[in-house]
Amino acid sequence: MYPRQVPKDLLRMISTGTLNLNAIKTHVFPLDNVNDAVSKAAMLRGLEYSIVIPNSKSF
């Protein structure tokens, strides 16, 4: 478990620009394309993430 002050510290770091979230790259796929998301995830490195979201018709 992280110390209680960590979320507050992270928010402070983000708001002051100390923690650059632009370094995080996301690749978003609808649930119907989950196989593409998994294939992409196998090729990613560092702060790149493959994200699967519900299909738009599910909302």
PDB file of N, CA and C in Angstrom:
ATOM      1  N   MET A   1       0.839  -1.180   0.000  1.00  0.00           N
ATOM      2  CA  MET A   1       0.000   0.000   0.000  1.00  0.00           C
ATOM      3  C   MET A   1       0.883   1.243   0.000  1.00  0.00           C
ATOM      4  N   TYR A   2       0.461   2.235  -0.725  1.00  0.00           N
ATOM      5  CA  TYR A   2       1.205   3.486  -0.774  1.00  0.00           C
ATOM      6  C   TYR A   2       0.862   4.355   0.429  1.00  0.00           C
ATOM      7  N   PRO A   3       1.777   5.204   0.861  1.00  0.00           N
ATOM      8  CA  PRO A   3       1.466   6.143   1.944  1.00  0.00           C
ATOM      9  C   PRO A   3       0.287   7.036   1.554  1.00  0.00           C
ATOM     10  N   ARG A   4      -0.457   7.509   2.530  1.00  0.00           N
ATOM     11  CA  ARG A   4      -1.680   8.281   2.298  1.00  0.00           C
ATOM     12  C   ARG A   4      -1.454   9.557   1.495  1.00  0.00           C
ATOM     13  N   GLN A   5      -0.292  10.154   1.584  1.00  0.00           N
ATOM     14  CA  GLN A   5      -0.051  11.434   0.921  1.00  0.00           C
ATOM     15  C   GLN A   5       0.290  11.286  -0.561  1.00  0.00           C
ATOM     16  N   VAL A   6       0.487  10.058  -1.045  1.00  0.00           N
ATOM     17  CA  VAL A   6       0.919   9.854  -2.425  1.00  0.00           C
ATOM     18  C   VAL A   6      -0.055  10.443  -3.453  1.00  0.00           C
ATOM     19  N   PRO A   7      -1.370  10.196  -3.377  1.00  0.00           N
ATOM     20  CA  PRO A   7      -2.259  10.809  -4.376  1.00  0.00           C
ATOM     21  C   PRO A   7      -2.161  12.340  -4.391  1.00  0.00           C
ATOM     22  N   LYS A   8      -2.080  12.946  -3.231  1.00  0.00           N
ATOM     23  CA  LYS A   8      -1.946  14.403  -3.147  1.00  0.00           C
ATOM     24  C   LYS A   8      -0.622  14.846  -3.770  1.00  0.00           C
ATOM     25  N   ASP A   9       0.453  14.120  -3.500  1.00  0.00           N
ATOM     26  CA  ASP A   9       1.760  14.437  -4.080  1.00  0.00           C
ATOM     27  C   ASP A   9       1.731  14.307  -5.602  1.00  0.00           C
ATOM     28  N   LEU A  10       1.074  13.264  -6.109  1.00  0.00           N
ATOM     29  CA  LEU A  10       0.979  13.077  -7.553  1.00  0.00           C
ATOM     30  C   LEU A  10       0.209  14.221  -8.211  1.00  0.00           C
ATOM     31  N   LEU A  11      -0.900  14.614  -7.610  1.00  0.00           N
ATOM     32  CA  LEU A  11      -1.671  15.742  -8.155  1.00  0.00           C
ATOM     33  C   LEU A  11      -0.847  17.023  -8.168  1.00  0.00           C
ATOM     34  N   ARG A  12      -0.081  17.238  -7.127  1.00  0.00           N
ATOM     35  CA  ARG A  12       0.776  18.424  -7.067  1.00  0.00           C
ATOM     36  C   ARG A  12       1.823  18.362  -8.168  1.00  0.00           C
ATOM     37  N   MET A  13       2.426  17.203  -8.352  1.00  0.00           N
ATOM     38  CA  MET A  13       3.454  17.044  -9.379  1.00  0.00           C
ATOM     39  C   MET A  13       2.880  17.254 -10.781  1.00  0.00           C
ATOM     40  N   ILE A  14       1.668  16.766 -11.012  1.00  0.00           N
ATOM     41  CA  ILE A  14       1.023  16.963 -12.310  1.00  0.00           C
ATOM     42  C   ILE A  14       0.711  18.441 -12.529  1.00  0.00           C
ATOM     43  N   SER A  15       0.149  19.086 -11.514  1.00  0.00           N
ATOM     44  CA  SER A  15      -0.249  20.490 -11.672  1.00  0.00           C
ATOM     45  C   SER A  15       0.942  21.432 -11.832  1.00  0.00           C
ATOM     46  N   THR A  16       2.090  21.073 -11.282  1.00  0.00           N
ATOM     47  CA  THR A  16       3.274  21.934 -11.414  1.00  0.00           C
ATOM     48  C   THR A  16       4.131  21.568 -12.626  1.00  0.00           C
ATOM     49  N   GLY A  17       3.765  20.490 -13.321  1.00  0.00           N
ATOM     50  CA  GLY A  17       4.525  20.078 -14.488  1.00  0.00           C
ATOM     51  C   GLY A  17       5.730  19.213 -14.176  1.00  0.00           C
ATOM     52  N   THR A  18       5.911  18.857 -12.916  1.00  0.00           N
ATOM     53  CA  THR A  18       7.021  17.992 -12.529  1.00  0.00           C
ATOM     54  C   THR A  18       6.855  16.589 -13.114  1.00  0.00           C
ATOM     55  N   LEU A  19       5.624  16.131 -13.153  1.00  0.00           N
ATOM     56  CA  LEU A  19       5.312  14.827 -13.721  1.00  0.00           C
ATOM     57  C   LEU A  19       4.642  15.052 -15.067  1.00  0.00           C
ATOM     58  N   ASN A  20       5.347  14.729 -16.142  1.00  0.00           N
ATOM     59  CA  ASN A  20       4.867  14.977 -17.493  1.00  0.00           C
ATOM     60  C   ASN A  20       4.045  13.784 -17.978  1.00  0.00           C
ATOM     61  N   LEU A  21       2.739  13.959 -18.032  1.00  0.00           N
ATOM     62  CA  LEU A  21       1.870  12.871 -18.480  1.00  0.00           C
ATOM     63  C   LEU A  21       1.868  12.711 -19.995  1.00  0.00           C
ATOM     64  N   ASN A  22       2.459  13.676 -20.706  1.00  0.00           N
ATOM     65  CA  ASN A  22       2.527  13.564 -22.167  1.00  0.00           C
ATOM     66  C   ASN A  22       3.433  12.420 -22.607  1.00  0.00           C
ATOM     67  N   ALA A  23       4.228  11.899 -21.707  1.00  0.00           N
ATOM     68  CA  ALA A  23       5.107  10.777 -22.024  1.00  0.00           C
ATOM     69  C   ALA A  23       4.319   9.474 -22.159  1.00  0.00           C
ATOM     70  N   ILE A  24       3.095   9.455 -21.645  1.00  0.00           N
ATOM     71  CA  ILE A  24       2.256   8.251 -21.704  1.00  0.00           C
ATOM     72  C   ILE A  24       1.509   8.244 -23.038  1.00  0.00           C
ATOM     73  N   LYS A  25       1.639   7.155 -23.770  1.00  0.00           N
ATOM     74  CA  LYS A  25       0.965   6.992 -25.059  1.00  0.00           C
ATOM     75  C   LYS A  25      -0.079   5.888 -24.930  1.00  0.00           C
ATOM     76  N   THR A  26      -1.291   6.195 -25.371  1.00  0.00           N
ATOM     77  CA  THR A  26      -2.362   5.199 -25.305  1.00  0.00           C
ATOM     78  C   THR A  26      -2.850   4.844 -26.703  1.00  0.00           C
ATOM     79  N   HIS A  27      -3.246   3.624 -26.852  1.00  0.00           N
ATOM     80  CA  HIS A  27      -3.836   3.109 -28.086  1.00  0.00           C
ATOM     81  C   HIS A  27      -5.173   2.498 -27.666  1.00  0.00           C
ATOM     82  N   VAL A  28      -6.274   3.094 -28.116  1.00  0.00           N
ATOM     83  CA  VAL A  28      -7.611   2.709 -27.659  1.00  0.00           C
ATOM     84  C   VAL A  28      -8.309   1.869 -28.727  1.00  0.00           C
ATOM     85  N   PHE A  29      -8.905   0.773 -28.279  1.00  0.00           N
ATOM     86  CA  PHE A  29      -9.605  -0.142 -29.165  1.00  0.00           C
ATOM     87  C   PHE A  29     -10.989  -0.449 -28.599  1.00  0.00           C
ATOM     88  N   PRO A  30     -12.020  -0.527 -29.460  1.00  0.00           N
ATOM     89  CA  PRO A  30     -13.330  -0.982 -28.984  1.00  0.00           C
ATOM     90  C   PRO A  30     -13.264  -2.478 -28.664  1.00  0.00           C
ATOM     91  N   LEU A  31     -14.152  -2.924 -27.829  1.00  0.00           N
ATOM     92  CA  LEU A  31     -14.163  -4.321 -27.399  1.00  0.00           C
ATOM     93  C   LEU A  31     -14.227  -5.290 -28.581  1.00  0.00           C
ATOM     94  N   ASP A  32     -14.915  -4.901 -29.645  1.00  0.00           N
ATOM     95  CA  ASP A  32     -14.981  -5.768 -30.828  1.00  0.00           C
ATOM     96  C   ASP A  32     -13.601  -6.018 -31.435  1.00  0.00           C
ATOM     97  N   ASN A  33     -12.648  -5.156 -31.157  1.00  0.00           N
ATOM     98  CA  ASN A  33     -11.289  -5.293 -31.710  1.00  0.00           C
ATOM     99  C   ASN A  33     -10.287  -5.713 -30.643  1.00  0.00           C
ATOM    100  N   VAL A  34     -10.732  -6.493 -29.689  1.00  0.00           N
ATOM    101  CA  VAL A  34      -9.860  -6.888 -28.586  1.00  0.00           C
ATOM    102  C   VAL A  34      -8.623  -7.639 -29.078  1.00  0.00           C
ATOM    103  N   ASN A  35      -8.761  -8.427 -30.137  1.00  0.00           N
ATOM    104  CA  ASN A  35      -7.600  -9.153 -30.659  1.00  0.00           C
ATOM    105  C   ASN A  35      -6.553  -8.191 -31.208  1.00  0.00           C
ATOM    106  N   ASP A  36      -6.992  -7.115 -31.859  1.00  0.00           N
ATOM    107  CA  ASP A  36      -6.056  -6.089 -32.335  1.00  0.00           C
ATOM    108  C   ASP A  36      -5.360  -5.416 -31.155  1.00  0.00           C
ATOM    109  N   ALA A  37      -6.113  -5.179 -30.090  1.00  0.00           N
ATOM    110  CA  ALA A  37      -5.550  -4.543 -28.892  1.00  0.00           C
ATOM    111  C   ALA A  37      -4.465  -5.414 -28.275  1.00  0.00           C
ATOM    112  N   VAL A  38      -4.707  -6.699 -28.214  1.00  0.00           N
ATOM    113  CA  VAL A  38      -3.723  -7.622 -27.645  1.00  0.00           C
ATOM    114  C   VAL A  38      -2.485  -7.698 -28.538  1.00  0.00           C
ATOM    115  N   SER A  39      -2.687  -7.738 -29.846  1.00  0.00           N
ATOM    116  CA  SER A  39      -1.543  -7.765 -30.770  1.00  0.00           C
ATOM    117  C   SER A  39      -0.706  -6.495 -30.626  1.00  0.00           C
ATOM    118  N   LYS A  40      -1.374  -5.358 -30.541  1.00  0.00           N
ATOM    119  CA  LYS A  40      -0.666  -4.090 -30.382  1.00  0.00           C
ATOM    120  C   LYS A  40       0.088  -4.075 -29.053  1.00  0.00           C
ATOM    121  N   ALA A  41      -0.554  -4.548 -27.988  1.00  0.00           N
ATOM    122  CA  ALA A  41       0.067  -4.559 -26.660  1.00  0.00           C
ATOM    123  C   ALA A  41       1.370  -5.359 -26.662  1.00  0.00           C
ATOM    124  N   ALA A  42       1.417  -6.403 -27.454  1.00  0.00           N
ATOM    125  CA  ALA A  42       2.628  -7.243 -27.511  1.00  0.00           C
ATOM    126  C   ALA A  42       3.813  -6.485 -28.106  1.00  0.00           C
ATOM    127  N   MET A  43       3.538  -5.425 -28.875  1.00  0.00           N
ATOM    128  CA  MET A  43       4.609  -4.661 -29.527  1.00  0.00           C
ATOM    129  C   MET A  43       5.001  -3.401 -28.753  1.00  0.00           C
ATOM    130  N   LEU A  44       4.244  -3.037 -27.730  1.00  0.00           N
ATOM    131  CA  LEU A  44       4.466  -1.766 -27.040  1.00  0.00           C
ATOM    132  C   LEU A  44       5.626  -1.841 -26.065  1.00  0.00           C
ATOM    133  N   ARG A  45       6.235  -0.689 -25.841  1.00  0.00           N
ATOM    134  CA  ARG A  45       7.368  -0.585 -24.919  1.00  0.00           C
ATOM    135  C   ARG A  45       7.197   0.648 -24.047  1.00  0.00           C
ATOM    136  N   GLY A  46       7.841   0.632 -22.909  1.00  0.00           N
ATOM    137  CA  GLY A  46       7.867   1.816 -22.046  1.00  0.00           C
ATOM    138  C   GLY A  46       6.497   2.233 -21.560  1.00  0.00           C
ATOM    139  N   LEU A  47       6.166   3.490 -21.755  1.00  0.00           N
ATOM    140  CA  LEU A  47       4.915   4.052 -21.262  1.00  0.00           C
ATOM    141  C   LEU A  47       3.829   4.069 -22.333  1.00  0.00           C
ATOM    142  N   GLU A  48       3.754   2.988 -23.108  1.00  0.00           N
ATOM    143  CA  GLU A  48       2.699   2.841 -24.105  1.00  0.00           C
ATOM    144  C   GLU A  48       1.739   1.768 -23.606  1.00  0.00           C
ATOM    145  N   TYR A  49       0.441   2.040 -23.776  1.00  0.00           N
ATOM    146  CA  TYR A  49      -0.574   1.135 -23.257  1.00  0.00           C
ATOM    147  C   TYR A  49      -1.658   0.893 -24.292  1.00  0.00           C
ATOM    148  N   SER A  50      -2.145  -0.307 -24.326  1.00  0.00           N
ATOM    149  CA  SER A  50      -3.259  -0.690 -25.175  1.00  0.00           C
ATOM    150  C   SER A  50      -4.488  -0.755 -24.276  1.00  0.00           C
ATOM    151  N   ILE A  51      -5.536   0.003 -24.635  1.00  0.00           N
ATOM    152  CA  ILE A  51      -6.726   0.109 -23.794  1.00  0.00           C
ATOM    153  C   ILE A  51      -7.939  -0.385 -24.563  1.00  0.00           C
ATOM    154  N   VAL A  52      -8.734  -1.225 -23.933  1.00  0.00           N
ATOM    155  CA  VAL A  52      -9.958  -1.733 -24.540  1.00  0.00           C
ATOM    156  C   VAL A  52     -11.138  -1.074 -23.826  1.00  0.00           C
ATOM    157  N   ILE A  53     -12.042  -0.512 -24.643  1.00  0.00           N
ATOM    158  CA  ILE A  53     -13.223   0.176 -24.098  1.00  0.00           C
ATOM    159  C   ILE A  53     -14.479  -0.514 -24.621  1.00  0.00           C
ATOM    160  N   PRO A  54     -15.623  -0.307 -23.969  1.00  0.00           N
ATOM    161  CA  PRO A  54     -16.873  -0.896 -24.485  1.00  0.00           C
ATOM    162  C   PRO A  54     -17.167  -0.377 -25.895  1.00  0.00           C
ATOM    163  N   ASN A  55     -17.847  -1.175 -26.673  1.00  0.00           N
ATOM    164  CA  ASN A  55     -18.271  -0.730 -27.994  1.00  0.00           C
ATOM    165  C   ASN A  55     -19.236   0.437 -27.844  1.00  0.00           C
ATOM    166  N   SER A  56     -19.233   1.351 -28.790  1.00  0.00           N
ATOM    167  CA  SER A  56     -20.082   2.543 -28.679  1.00  0.00           C
ATOM    168  C   SER A  56     -21.560   2.179 -28.614  1.00  0.00           C
ATOM    169  N   LYS A  57     -21.950   1.084 -29.219  1.00  0.00           N
ATOM    170  CA  LYS A  57     -23.357   0.687 -29.174  1.00  0.00           C
ATOM    171  C   LYS A  57     -23.754   0.153 -27.788  1.00  0.00           C
ATOM    172  N   SER A  58     -22.770  -0.086 -26.919  1.00  0.00           N
ATOM    173  CA  SER A  58     -23.047  -0.596 -25.574  1.00  0.00           C
ATOM    174  C   SER A  58     -23.509   0.498 -24.626  1.00  0.00           C
ATOM    175  N   PHE A  59     -23.308   1.761 -24.999  1.00  0.00           N
ATOM    176  CA  PHE A  59     -23.648   2.865 -24.094  1.00  0.00           C
ATOM    177  C   PHE A  59     -25.115   3.183 -24.116  1.00  0.00           C
TER     178      PHE A  59
END
